[in-house]
Amino acid sequence: MEHAFPAGSPALDFAGTLRVRRSPSPREMLHSPESLTSWFRECGITESDIACEPFDVREAVALREAIYQLVIAKITGEGYDQEALSLVNDAARRPAPVPQLTADGRRIEATVQQAFSYVARDAIAVLSGPEVPLLKECANPDCTQIYIDHSRGARREWCKMDPCGNRIKAAAYRARKRASEQTAISASSG
């Protein structure tokens, strides 16, 4: 799989397609029509590839940024940006993918616009639903993934243990070890 889906919501995973957002060199995961096509397929919006064009990628990035702005506003208790709100609502008004029953089972095909509608509708459901208090941003300072914390007691800190949780825990271990070594050196020289 080219893409990661740690958030518990397609809309939040879509917002996470710009990785390490606050770094000087964020990693763009929607860098081509093919990467957008694979995101739709890997997310489960459709089972077959959607023919995406470069302008679809630009629209996807605009929708992603609008969703991210709205989620951050919800988490921080700020008001919604009206342009972002309009963009998400306009995308949600479009028809959504329709599953079809076939002799071989269920089949889902979608256009790019239907896939955007699916993501926008999920964003609306997340931002207006009962899981709003469970929205969190990964505690790894290098990660900006937003996720729904379904852990017991809502005490999850990272979008995923691998790699984010492991990196933070390893860094904390190294810091404790350095501090312990410094204490031992100070005690032996004193």
Foldseek 3Di string as FASTA:
>chain_A
DLADDLAAFLLLSLLQQFWLVPDPDTDHQLPAQVSVQVSCCVVPQFVDGARGHPVLSVLSVLLSVLLVQLLVCLLVVHDHDPVSVVSLVVLLPDAAWDWDQDPVGIGTDDHSSNSSNRSSVRSVCCSPHPQSVQWDAAPQNSGGRIHGQPDVVSPDRGSDCPPRVVVVVVVVVVVVVVVVVVVVVVVVVD
